[in-house]
């Protein structure tokens, strides 16, 4: 990668950044303020990269309209408007703004009104507890994901698109939502980009280290945290775990890495430069040596579906010894869909059709050579336990979930601990609680005396559904934490005329499944 400059970027000096933050807050340039100003349809359109509705909603001259056009929609605004909304001279001096000709005005007009534009994108972002944060990224990258970052740009990295730093996207919010929110001493954001994960980790980590191979990204991360009023992290430049090779282990590692499986390393923010899915495999395999006991590593990943092989077995084999793992595949695309997605991401669909065809063919050739039929996307959570029998669960779950899932993920691993240390006899002596907002559905023909089967469905978290028999439904419904599992089974046996001893023998497996999937929580004294 060519060395990219940070000379034209703002400097996050303490006082000036604090005053800029105060100006943004006073004007209501926050996530809630934007929603009120734009309205839900225009606000949603921004997430799709469509700015016209927002431009129509910001035709006024108020400070909020001015800041939205300036920092989010990347419009030049009159200097007098910028001065009314914030300390424009200070923002110019610190390179948040730059002077620019007024659009449509003659360049030699002596009386032309002075105008300014932002040097970076700034997007208001609401924290999990309602914090007002701002994510700083390259111009044109605050809304709608990449939006064709590989195309020509009027500012930013010296090699267009190569070292570009993106703002908030679907992948970054997904990772933030699954982050386990446990107070820790040391956290590592590997491949920090614009610093979103470091911002989230700073809520409960005493010390945050953020790394990136792109020095421009480290500068943006510093801007994001400074403008959001967060403590500055320790910033390290380098690839993968190299910048922290000799450091003490971390209690939490998070990474939204360059996981795209592509022919080459064209765009730093997305292409890992390794063959196939080796980037994600390497991250997973190396994580254990950098995790403290009980520590979590959470990352987004892509993985190949090769031939007739089961992706679950292949990705589960990445998990290093001494770690429990929960691997969730959220989406699968065939190789043509996948190539088209990332060609559009790079803006190739807007250029020369012949060049587009050549690049498309290169993707398909790479996949064919590797025997790749499809690509899966999802998340991987590791927890270092040093258990003799690690729990490794790989599953496909493309259905809607309720974010944030951090507490759900933490509870999943705690239940694995319980199941691992509890034999079937002890399981029956435990008491259980039915999880919140689990409902029962009976499925069968209308008017039938008995249902064909019974479904338990979660309305929170992973929103799972599982089929149970009459005993399982009755058992779950009675679990209020007062009676042991064995006593409940004895009562069900008497009610149904079944042998309680037989019920006790065959039911522990079903109880384990309900606990593993989060329908039942053990009562731990």
Protein backbone atom coordinates (compact mmCIF):
# COMPACT_ATOMS: atom_id res chain seq x y z
CA UNK A 1 0.00 0.00 0.00
CA UNK A 2 1.23 3.47 -0.85
CA UNK A 3 1.95 5.66 2.12
CA UNK A 4 -1.05 7.94 2.61
CA UNK A 5 -0.80 11.41 4.05
CA UNK A 6 -2.56 12.84 7.09
CA UNK A 7 -1.28 16.38 6.54
CA UNK A 8 -4.63 17.78 5.36
CA UNK A 9 -6.65 16.27 8.21
CA UNK A 10 -7.84 18.11 11.32
CA UNK A 11 -5.77 18.07 14.46
CA UNK A 12 -7.65 16.94 17.58
CA UNK A 13 -6.28 19.59 19.95
CA UNK A 14 -8.07 19.37 23.26
CA UNK A 15 -9.58 22.83 23.60
CA UNK A 16 -10.61 23.43 20.00
CA UNK A 17 -12.16 19.95 19.72
CA UNK A 18 -14.07 20.52 22.95
CA UNK A 19 -15.44 23.81 21.60
CA UNK A 20 -16.41 22.15 18.32
CA UNK A 21 -18.22 19.43 20.26
CA UNK A 22 -20.06 22.09 22.25
CA UNK A 23 -21.11 23.83 19.04
CA UNK A 24 -22.40 20.60 17.52
CA UNK A 25 -24.33 19.80 20.70
CA UNK A 26 -25.77 23.31 21.03
CA UNK A 27 -27.04 23.19 17.44
CA UNK A 28 -28.64 19.78 17.97
CA UNK A 29 -26.30 18.10 15.48
CA UNK A 30 -26.89 14.75 17.15
CA UNK A 31 -28.54 11.51 16.06
CA UNK A 32 -31.84 12.55 17.67
CA UNK A 33 -31.54 16.09 16.34
CA UNK A 34 -30.99 14.82 12.80
CA UNK A 35 -34.02 12.55 13.00
CA UNK A 36 -36.18 15.45 14.14
CA UNK A 37 -34.84 17.72 11.40
CA UNK A 38 -34.96 15.29 8.49
CA UNK A 39 -37.89 13.08 9.38
CA UNK A 40 -37.84 9.30 9.29
CA UNK A 41 -37.99 8.80 5.48
CA UNK A 42 -35.07 11.15 4.72
CA UNK A 43 -33.09 9.78 7.67
CA UNK A 44 -33.58 6.22 6.42
CA UNK A 45 -32.62 7.29 2.89
CA UNK A 46 -29.22 8.41 4.20
CA UNK A 47 -28.52 4.85 5.32
CA UNK A 48 -29.07 3.82 1.69
CA UNK A 49 -26.65 6.47 0.46
CA UNK A 50 -29.42 8.72 -0.88
CA UNK A 51 -28.96 12.38 0.04
CA UNK A 52 -31.62 14.23 -2.00
CA UNK A 53 -34.37 14.00 0.67
CA UNK A 54 -31.94 15.30 3.31
CA UNK A 55 -30.80 18.15 1.05
CA UNK A 56 -34.43 19.20 0.63
CA UNK A 57 -34.92 19.13 4.40
CA UNK A 58 -31.88 21.32 5.09
CA UNK A 59 -32.65 24.33 2.90
CA UNK A 60 -33.08 26.54 5.95
CA UNK A 61 -30.40 28.83 7.40
CA UNK A 62 -30.39 27.58 11.00
CA UNK A 63 -27.25 26.21 12.65
CA UNK A 64 -28.49 22.60 12.49
CA UNK A 65 -29.26 22.83 8.77
CA UNK A 66 -25.87 24.43 8.14
CA UNK A 67 -23.91 21.80 10.08
CA UNK A 68 -25.82 18.96 8.43
CA UNK A 69 -25.07 20.28 4.95
CA UNK A 70 -21.48 20.99 5.91
CA UNK A 71 -20.34 17.90 7.80
CA UNK A 72 -22.76 15.18 6.75
CA UNK A 73 -23.93 16.07 3.25
CA UNK A 74 -20.58 17.58 2.22
CA UNK A 75 -22.01 20.79 0.79
CA UNK A 76 -20.16 24.11 0.62
CA UNK A 77 -21.88 26.71 2.81
CA UNK A 78 -21.43 30.50 3.05
CA UNK A 79 -18.78 31.48 5.54
CA UNK A 80 -21.27 33.68 7.38
CA UNK A 81 -23.52 30.62 7.94
CA UNK A 82 -20.62 28.56 9.24
CA UNK A 83 -19.60 31.39 11.56
CA UNK A 84 -23.14 31.52 12.97
CA UNK A 85 -23.11 27.78 13.64
CA UNK A 86 -19.62 27.34 15.11
CA UNK A 87 -16.30 29.06 15.59
CA UNK A 88 -15.46 29.04 11.89
CA UNK A 89 -12.05 30.72 12.17
CA UNK A 90 -10.90 28.17 14.72
CA UNK A 91 -12.29 25.30 12.64
CA UNK A 92 -10.39 26.66 9.62
CA UNK A 93 -7.18 26.93 11.61
CA UNK A 94 -7.52 23.36 12.89
CA UNK A 95 -8.37 22.09 9.37
CA UNK A 96 -11.92 20.92 10.09
CA UNK A 97 -12.93 23.41 7.37
CA UNK A 98 -11.30 24.80 4.25
CA UNK A 99 -12.12 27.76 2.05
CA UNK A 100 -13.73 27.02 -1.29
CA UNK A 101 -15.30 29.02 -4.14
CA UNK A 102 -19.05 29.53 -3.92
CA UNK A 103 -20.70 27.06 -6.30
CA UNK A 104 -21.79 28.84 -9.49
CA UNK A 105 -19.97 32.09 -8.75
CA UNK A 106 -17.41 33.46 -11.25
CA UNK A 107 -13.90 32.70 -10.02
CA UNK A 108 -12.74 36.26 -10.71
CA UNK A 109 -15.70 37.96 -9.07
CA UNK A 110 -14.28 40.36 -6.49
CA UNK A 111 -17.51 40.56 -4.55
CA UNK A 112 -18.19 36.80 -4.52
CA UNK A 113 -19.34 35.56 -1.13
CA UNK A 114 -16.78 33.52 0.74
CA UNK A 115 -17.65 29.87 1.34
CA UNK A 116 -16.24 26.95 3.29
CA UNK A 117 -16.56 23.21 3.20
CA UNK A 118 -15.60 20.41 5.58
CA UNK A 119 -12.36 18.50 5.08
CA UNK A 120 -13.90 15.36 6.60
CA UNK A 121 -17.27 13.73 7.10
CA UNK A 122 -18.75 13.90 10.59
CA UNK A 123 -21.75 11.72 11.36
CA UNK A 124 -23.74 12.00 14.61
CA UNK A 125 -23.92 8.59 16.27
CA UNK A 126 -25.92 7.59 19.33
CA UNK A 127 -24.18 5.48 21.95
CA UNK A 128 -25.86 2.51 23.71
CA UNK A 129 -26.80 4.59 26.73
CA UNK A 130 -27.89 7.56 24.64
CA UNK A 131 -24.44 9.20 24.42
CA UNK A 132 -23.98 11.82 21.72
CA UNK A 133 -20.97 10.69 19.69
CA UNK A 134 -19.60 11.72 16.29
CA UNK A 135 -17.77 9.42 13.87
CA UNK A 136 -15.20 11.10 11.61
CA UNK A 137 -14.31 9.62 8.22
CA UNK A 138 -13.14 10.53 4.75
CA UNK A 139 -15.35 12.82 2.70
CA UNK A 140 -18.18 10.94 1.03
CA UNK A 141 -17.93 8.02 3.48
CA UNK A 142 -20.14 9.03 6.39
CA UNK A 143 -23.39 7.75 4.93
CA UNK A 144 -24.48 4.77 2.89
CA UNK A 145 -21.36 2.68 3.43
CA UNK A 146 -18.59 2.90 0.88
CA UNK A 147 -20.74 4.24 -1.94
CA UNK A 148 -18.18 3.47 -4.59
CA UNK A 149 -15.05 4.62 -2.79
CA UNK A 150 -12.77 3.22 -5.45
CA UNK A 151 -13.80 5.87 -7.95
CA UNK A 152 -12.17 9.27 -8.45
CA UNK A 153 -12.15 11.53 -5.41
CA UNK A 154 -11.46 15.22 -5.00
CA UNK A 155 -9.68 14.75 -1.68
CA UNK A 156 -8.42 12.12 0.66
CA UNK A 157 -5.76 9.48 0.14
CA UNK A 158 -3.14 10.00 -2.53
CA UNK A 159 -4.20 6.74 -4.19
CA UNK A 160 -7.99 7.08 -4.66
CA UNK A 161 -9.89 4.56 -2.60
CA UNK A 162 -6.80 2.64 -1.49
CA UNK A 163 -6.35 4.11 1.97
CA UNK A 164 -9.83 5.54 2.38
CA UNK A 165 -11.36 5.45 5.87
CA UNK A 166 -15.07 4.67 6.08
CA UNK A 167 -17.60 5.91 8.59
CA UNK A 168 -20.48 4.03 10.18
CA UNK A 169 -21.76 1.03 8.21
CA UNK A 170 -23.87 -2.03 8.82
CA UNK A 171 -20.87 -4.21 9.65
CA UNK A 172 -19.50 -1.81 12.27
CA UNK A 173 -22.88 -1.44 14.03
CA UNK A 174 -23.34 -5.23 13.99
CA UNK A 175 -20.00 -5.77 15.74
CA UNK A 176 -20.71 -3.01 18.25
CA UNK A 177 -24.04 -4.66 19.01
CA UNK A 178 -22.57 -8.07 19.81
CA UNK A 179 -19.72 -6.71 21.95
CA UNK A 180 -19.84 -8.32 25.41
CA UNK A 181 -20.32 -5.35 27.80
CA UNK A 182 -18.31 -6.69 30.72
CA UNK A 183 -16.02 -4.32 32.69
CA UNK A 184 -12.44 -5.19 31.76
CA UNK A 185 -8.97 -3.83 32.29
CA UNK A 186 -7.52 -4.11 28.76
CA UNK A 187 -9.28 -4.04 25.39
CA UNK A 188 -7.87 -4.22 21.85
CA UNK A 189 -9.58 -2.87 18.72
CA UNK A 190 -7.70 -4.59 15.89
CA UNK A 191 -8.13 -2.75 12.57
CA UNK A 192 -9.83 0.24 14.15
CA UNK A 193 -10.71 2.21 11.00
CA UNK A 194 -12.56 5.33 12.12
CA UNK A 195 -12.50 4.16 15.75
CA UNK A 196 -16.09 3.03 16.24
CA UNK A 197 -15.26 -0.15 18.16
CA UNK A 198 -12.67 1.64 20.31
CA UNK A 199 -15.40 4.16 21.15
CA UNK A 200 -17.73 1.36 22.29
CA UNK A 201 -15.02 -0.58 24.13
CA UNK A 202 -14.05 2.55 26.04
CA UNK A 203 -17.39 2.42 27.87
CA UNK A 204 -16.23 -0.45 30.06
CA UNK A 205 -12.48 -0.95 29.45
CA UNK A 206 -9.91 0.85 31.59
CA UNK A 207 -7.32 0.83 28.81
CA UNK A 208 -8.01 0.63 25.05
CA UNK A 209 -5.41 -0.09 22.37
CA UNK A 210 -6.38 0.52 18.74
CA UNK A 211 -4.35 -0.75 15.78
CA UNK A 212 -4.51 -0.37 12.02
CA UNK A 213 -2.22 -0.97 9.07
CA UNK A 214 -3.34 2.41 7.68
CA UNK A 215 -1.86 5.44 9.52
CA UNK A 216 -4.67 7.56 8.12
CA UNK A 217 -7.18 5.34 9.94
CA UNK A 218 -5.35 5.84 13.24
CA UNK A 219 -5.63 9.59 12.76
CA UNK A 220 -9.36 9.31 12.11
CA UNK A 221 -9.80 7.12 15.17
CA UNK A 222 -8.12 9.80 17.26
CA UNK A 223 -10.49 12.41 15.77
CA UNK A 224 -13.57 10.28 16.44
CA UNK A 225 -12.72 9.67 20.08
CA UNK A 226 -11.62 13.24 20.72
CA UNK A 227 -14.73 14.77 19.16
CA UNK A 228 -16.92 12.30 21.10
CA UNK A 229 -15.29 13.25 24.39
CA UNK A 230 -13.80 9.78 24.95
CA UNK A 231 -10.39 9.03 26.40
CA UNK A 232 -7.71 8.77 23.73
CA UNK A 233 -6.68 5.16 23.09
CA UNK A 234 -3.16 3.88 22.67
CA UNK A 235 -2.67 3.83 18.90
CA UNK A 236 -0.39 1.30 17.17
CA UNK A 237 0.37 0.97 13.45
CA UNK A 238 0.75 -2.49 11.94
CA UNK A 239 -0.93 -5.63 10.61
CA UNK A 240 -2.90 -8.21 12.59
CA UNK A 241 -1.37 -8.82 16.03
CA UNK A 242 2.10 -7.56 15.10
CA UNK A 243 1.75 -4.17 16.87
CA UNK A 244 0.90 -5.88 20.19
CA UNK A 245 3.06 -9.00 19.85
CA UNK A 246 4.95 -8.37 23.08
CA UNK A 247 2.10 -6.85 25.10
CA UNK A 248 0.23 -8.35 28.03
CA UNK A 249 -2.87 -10.33 27.03
CA UNK A 250 -6.21 -8.56 26.59
CA UNK A 251 -9.54 -9.18 28.30
CA UNK A 252 -11.43 -8.17 25.15
CA UNK A 253 -10.37 -8.19 21.50
CA UNK A 254 -12.74 -6.86 18.84
CA UNK A 255 -12.13 -6.64 15.12
CA UNK A 256 -14.02 -5.64 12.00
CA UNK A 257 -11.15 -6.80 9.78
CA UNK A 258 -10.69 -6.53 6.00
CA UNK A 259 -12.61 -9.77 5.56
CA UNK A 260 -13.57 -9.51 1.88
CA UNK A 261 -12.42 -12.55 -0.12
CA UNK A 262 -11.04 -10.92 -3.26
CA UNK A 263 -8.39 -11.42 -5.97
CA UNK A 264 -5.76 -9.09 -4.55
CA UNK A 265 -5.46 -6.35 -1.94
CA UNK A 266 -6.93 -3.40 -3.79
CA UNK A 267 -8.75 -1.54 -1.01
CA UNK A 268 -7.11 -1.44 2.40
CA UNK A 269 -10.31 -1.12 4.43
CA UNK A 270 -11.86 -4.34 3.05
CA UNK A 271 -9.28 -6.57 1.25
CA UNK A 272 -7.00 -8.53 3.56
CA UNK A 273 -4.47 -9.43 0.89
CA UNK A 274 -4.40 -13.12 1.81
CA UNK A 275 -5.66 -16.04 -0.25
CA UNK A 276 -9.33 -16.89 0.21
CA UNK A 277 -10.49 -16.55 3.81
CA UNK A 278 -6.99 -16.89 5.29
CA UNK A 279 -7.21 -13.42 6.86
CA UNK A 280 -10.15 -14.42 9.07
CA UNK A 281 -8.70 -17.86 9.76
CA UNK A 282 -5.41 -16.32 10.87
CA UNK A 283 -7.14 -13.87 13.21
CA UNK A 284 -9.14 -16.64 14.87
CA UNK A 285 -6.16 -18.98 15.21
CA UNK A 286 -3.84 -16.32 16.65
CA UNK A 287 -6.34 -14.79 19.05
CA UNK A 288 -5.90 -17.24 21.94
CA UNK A 289 -2.29 -16.30 22.61
CA UNK A 290 -3.36 -12.66 23.08
CA UNK A 291 -6.36 -13.36 25.33
CA UNK A 292 -6.26 -13.32 29.11
CA UNK A 293 -8.04 -16.21 30.89
CA UNK A 294 -11.78 -15.66 30.52
CA UNK A 295 -11.20 -13.05 27.83
CA UNK A 296 -13.35 -12.65 24.72
CA UNK A 297 -12.38 -12.18 21.08
CA UNK A 298 -15.21 -11.01 18.81
CA UNK A 299 -14.89 -10.42 15.10
CA UNK A 300 -16.83 -10.32 11.86
CA UNK A 301 -15.72 -12.73 9.17
CA UNK A 302 -16.34 -14.16 5.71
CA UNK A 303 -15.68 -17.81 4.96
CA UNK A 304 -15.69 -19.95 1.86
CA UNK A 305 -18.16 -22.70 1.08
CA UNK A 306 -16.11 -25.19 -0.88
CA UNK A 307 -17.65 -28.00 -2.91
CA UNK A 308 -19.79 -30.26 -0.78
CA UNK A 309 -17.87 -29.67 2.45
CA UNK A 310 -19.77 -28.51 5.53
CA UNK A 311 -18.74 -24.93 6.33
CA UNK A 312 -19.42 -25.59 10.02
CA UNK A 313 -16.70 -28.20 10.26
CA UNK A 314 -14.25 -26.07 8.29
CA UNK A 315 -14.69 -22.88 10.32
CA UNK A 316 -14.90 -24.75 13.64
CA UNK A 317 -11.46 -26.18 12.85
CA UNK A 318 -10.07 -22.63 13.02
CA UNK A 319 -10.83 -22.39 16.75
CA UNK A 320 -7.59 -22.64 18.75
CA UNK A 321 -7.20 -25.06 21.68
CA UNK A 322 -8.34 -23.74 25.04
CA UNK A 323 -11.17 -21.64 23.61
CA UNK A 324 -14.93 -21.98 23.57
CA UNK A 325 -16.50 -20.56 20.42
CA UNK A 326 -19.84 -19.48 19.05
CA UNK A 327 -19.87 -19.04 15.27
CA UNK A 328 -23.02 -17.64 13.65
CA UNK A 329 -23.54 -17.49 9.89
CA UNK A 330 -25.97 -14.68 9.11
CA UNK A 331 -25.95 -14.67 5.32
CA UNK A 332 -24.73 -16.70 2.32
CA UNK A 333 -24.15 -15.42 -1.22
CA UNK A 334 -23.21 -17.38 -4.29
CA UNK A 335 -19.95 -16.28 -5.90
CA UNK A 336 -21.65 -14.13 -8.55
CA UNK A 337 -23.68 -12.19 -5.97
CA UNK A 338 -20.61 -11.78 -3.82
CA UNK A 339 -18.43 -10.46 -6.66
CA UNK A 340 -21.13 -8.03 -7.79
CA UNK A 341 -21.59 -6.69 -4.25
CA UNK A 342 -17.94 -5.78 -3.82
CA UNK A 343 -17.47 -4.53 -7.38
CA UNK A 344 -20.29 -2.07 -6.68
CA UNK A 345 -18.68 -1.23 -3.36
CA UNK A 346 -15.55 -0.18 -5.23
CA UNK A 347 -17.53 1.86 -7.75
CA UNK A 348 -16.48 -0.36 -10.68
CA UNK A 349 -20.06 -0.47 -12.01
CA UNK A 350 -19.80 3.26 -12.74
CA UNK A 351 -16.69 3.00 -14.89
CA UNK A 352 -15.63 1.41 -18.13
CA UNK A 353 -17.82 -1.67 -18.87
CA UNK A 354 -14.86 -3.55 -20.34
CA UNK A 355 -12.75 -2.95 -17.22
CA UNK A 356 -15.70 -4.01 -15.07
CA UNK A 357 -16.00 -7.26 -17.03
CA UNK A 358 -12.28 -7.99 -16.62
CA UNK A 359 -12.44 -7.47 -12.85
CA UNK A 360 -15.63 -9.52 -12.55
CA UNK A 361 -13.99 -12.37 -14.45
CA UNK A 362 -10.94 -12.19 -12.18
CA UNK A 363 -13.15 -12.72 -9.12
CA UNK A 364 -14.89 -15.72 -10.66
CA UNK A 365 -11.56 -17.17 -11.81
CA UNK A 366 -10.19 -16.91 -8.27
CA UNK A 367 -13.25 -18.64 -6.82
CA UNK A 368 -13.16 -21.38 -9.46
CA UNK A 369 -9.48 -22.08 -8.75
CA UNK A 370 -10.26 -22.51 -5.04
CA UNK A 371 -13.41 -24.58 -5.56
CA UNK A 372 -15.48 -21.90 -3.82
CA UNK A 373 -19.22 -22.10 -4.51
CA UNK A 374 -20.49 -19.50 -2.06
CA UNK A 375 -19.34 -17.17 0.73
CA UNK A 376 -20.80 -16.95 4.22
CA UNK A 377 -20.88 -13.86 6.40
CA UNK A 378 -21.27 -13.83 10.15
CA UNK A 379 -19.59 -13.34 13.48
CA UNK A 380 -17.20 -15.34 15.62
CA UNK A 381 -16.90 -15.09 19.40
CA UNK A 382 -14.10 -16.87 21.23
CA UNK A 383 -13.67 -17.13 24.97
CA UNK A 384 -10.46 -18.43 26.48
CA UNK A 385 -11.34 -21.08 29.06
CA UNK A 386 -8.57 -23.74 28.90
CA UNK A 387 -11.39 -26.28 29.29
CA UNK A 388 -10.57 -29.91 28.53
CA UNK A 389 -13.80 -30.16 26.51
CA UNK A 390 -14.24 -26.83 24.74
CA UNK A 391 -17.71 -25.89 23.54
CA UNK A 392 -17.65 -25.00 19.84
CA UNK A 393 -21.02 -24.19 18.31
CA UNK A 394 -21.29 -23.27 14.62
CA UNK A 395 -24.78 -22.56 13.35
CA UNK A 396 -26.67 -20.81 10.60
CA UNK A 397 -29.12 -18.17 11.82
CA UNK A 398 -30.32 -15.85 9.01
CA UNK A 399 -33.44 -14.78 10.92
CA UNK A 400 -34.01 -11.38 12.59
CA UNK A 401 -32.36 -10.86 15.97
CA UNK A 402 -32.72 -8.17 18.60
CA UNK A 403 -29.61 -6.05 18.95
CA UNK A 404 -27.71 -5.42 21.14
CA UNK A 405 -26.74 -9.04 21.74
CA UNK A 406 -23.72 -8.55 23.99
CA UNK A 407 -25.50 -9.77 27.14
CA UNK A 408 -27.04 -12.67 25.20
CA UNK A 409 -23.58 -13.78 24.08
CA UNK A 410 -22.13 -13.49 27.58
CA UNK A 411 -25.04 -15.56 28.95
CA UNK A 412 -24.52 -18.18 26.23
CA UNK A 413 -20.97 -18.87 27.42
CA UNK A 414 -22.02 -18.89 31.07
CA UNK A 415 -24.62 -21.54 30.24
CA UNK A 416 -21.92 -23.56 28.46
CA UNK A 417 -19.89 -23.49 31.68
CA UNK A 418 -22.90 -24.73 33.63
CA UNK A 419 -23.68 -27.56 31.19
CA UNK A 420 -20.04 -28.66 31.04
CA UNK A 421 -19.67 -29.03 34.79
CA UNK A 422 -23.15 -30.51 35.47
CA UNK A 423 -23.79 -34.22 34.86
CA UNK A 424 -27.29 -35.49 34.18
CA UNK A 425 -27.98 -36.49 37.78
CA UNK A 426 -26.99 -33.07 39.07
CA UNK A 427 -28.97 -31.43 36.25
CA UNK A 428 -32.20 -32.90 37.65
CA UNK A 429 -31.44 -31.42 41.07
CA UNK A 430 -31.21 -27.90 39.64
CA UNK A 431 -33.97 -25.34 39.42
CA UNK A 432 -34.59 -23.41 36.19
CA UNK A 433 -36.32 -20.24 35.08
CA UNK A 434 -38.13 -19.82 31.79
CA UNK A 435 -36.45 -16.95 29.95
CA UNK A 436 -38.30 -13.66 29.53
CA UNK A 437 -40.85 -13.36 26.74
CA UNK A 438 -40.88 -16.98 25.65
CA UNK A 439 -44.26 -17.91 24.18
CA UNK A 440 -45.82 -21.22 23.23
CA UNK A 441 -47.41 -21.90 19.85
CA UNK A 442 -49.53 -24.97 19.12
CA UNK A 443 -49.48 -26.12 15.52
CA UNK A 444 -52.06 -28.46 14.06
CA UNK A 445 -55.18 -28.80 11.94
CA UNK A 446 -58.10 -26.53 12.92
CA UNK A 447 -60.44 -28.27 15.33
CA UNK A 448 -58.01 -31.08 16.12
CA UNK A 449 -58.15 -32.35 19.72
CA UNK A 450 -54.36 -32.31 20.10
CA UNK A 451 -51.72 -30.20 18.30
CA UNK A 452 -49.35 -31.90 15.89
CA UNK A 453 -46.47 -30.25 17.68
CA UNK A 454 -45.67 -27.42 20.08
CA UNK A 455 -43.22 -24.60 19.41
CA UNK A 456 -41.45 -22.47 22.01
CA UNK A 457 -40.49 -19.09 20.59
CA UNK A 458 -38.27 -16.33 22.00
CA UNK A 459 -39.31 -12.74 21.46
CA UNK A 460 -35.96 -11.36 22.64
CA UNK A 461 -32.29 -11.84 21.81
CA UNK A 462 -31.68 -14.45 19.11
CA UNK A 463 -35.45 -14.97 18.74
CA UNK A 464 -35.08 -18.71 18.41
CA UNK A 465 -37.87 -21.22 17.95
CA UNK A 466 -37.71 -24.89 18.92
CA UNK A 467 -40.14 -27.79 18.70
CA UNK A 468 -40.95 -29.62 21.93
CA UNK A 469 -43.22 -32.50 22.91
CA UNK A 470 -45.97 -32.35 25.52
CA UNK A 471 -43.53 -33.11 28.33
CA UNK A 472 -41.10 -30.43 27.16
CA UNK A 473 -43.83 -27.80 26.90
CA UNK A 474 -45.21 -28.69 30.31
CA UNK A 475 -41.74 -28.73 31.85
CA UNK A 476 -40.79 -25.31 30.46
CA UNK A 477 -44.10 -23.79 31.55
CA UNK A 478 -43.59 -24.83 35.19
CA UNK A 479 -39.98 -23.59 35.43
CA UNK A 480 -40.33 -20.60 37.75
CA UNK A 481 -37.23 -21.28 39.83
CA UNK A 482 -39.01 -22.90 42.79
CA UNK A 483 -38.96 -26.64 42.01
CA UNK A 484 -36.06 -28.81 40.86
CA UNK A 485 -36.19 -30.35 37.40
CA UNK A 486 -36.57 -33.82 38.90
CA UNK A 487 -39.58 -32.87 41.01
CA UNK A 488 -41.24 -31.24 37.99
CA UNK A 489 -40.72 -34.40 35.94
CA UNK A 490 -42.16 -36.52 38.74
CA UNK A 491 -45.29 -34.36 38.78
CA UNK A 492 -45.62 -34.49 34.97
CA UNK A 493 -45.24 -38.27 35.06
CA UNK A 494 -48.08 -38.61 37.57
CA UNK A 495 -50.27 -36.24 35.55
CA UNK A 496 -49.69 -38.06 32.24
CA UNK A 497 -49.56 -41.55 33.66
CA UNK A 498 -45.93 -42.05 32.64
CA UNK A 499 -43.16 -43.69 34.62
CA UNK A 500 -41.25 -40.88 36.43
CA UNK A 501 -38.03 -42.92 36.34
CA UNK A 502 -38.27 -43.20 32.55
CA UNK A 503 -38.92 -39.47 32.26
CA UNK A 504 -35.89 -38.73 34.41
CA UNK A 505 -33.76 -40.95 32.18
CA UNK A 506 -34.78 -39.50 28.82
CA UNK A 507 -35.37 -35.81 29.57
CA UNK A 508 -31.91 -34.42 30.53
CA UNK A 509 -30.89 -34.23 26.86
CA UNK A 510 -33.93 -32.06 26.11
CA UNK A 511 -33.24 -29.89 29.15
CA UNK A 512 -29.66 -29.36 27.99
CA UNK A 513 -30.86 -28.22 24.58
CA UNK A 514 -33.34 -25.75 26.10
CA UNK A 515 -30.58 -24.38 28.35
CA UNK A 516 -28.03 -24.17 25.52
CA UNK A 517 -30.46 -22.26 23.30
CA UNK A 518 -31.43 -19.84 26.06
CA UNK A 519 -35.01 -20.93 26.70
CA UNK A 520 -34.16 -21.93 30.27
CA UNK A 521 -31.75 -20.29 32.69
CA UNK A 522 -30.31 -22.31 35.60
CA UNK A 523 -30.84 -20.83 39.04
CA UNK A 524 -27.36 -20.59 40.50
CA UNK A 525 -27.28 -20.31 44.30
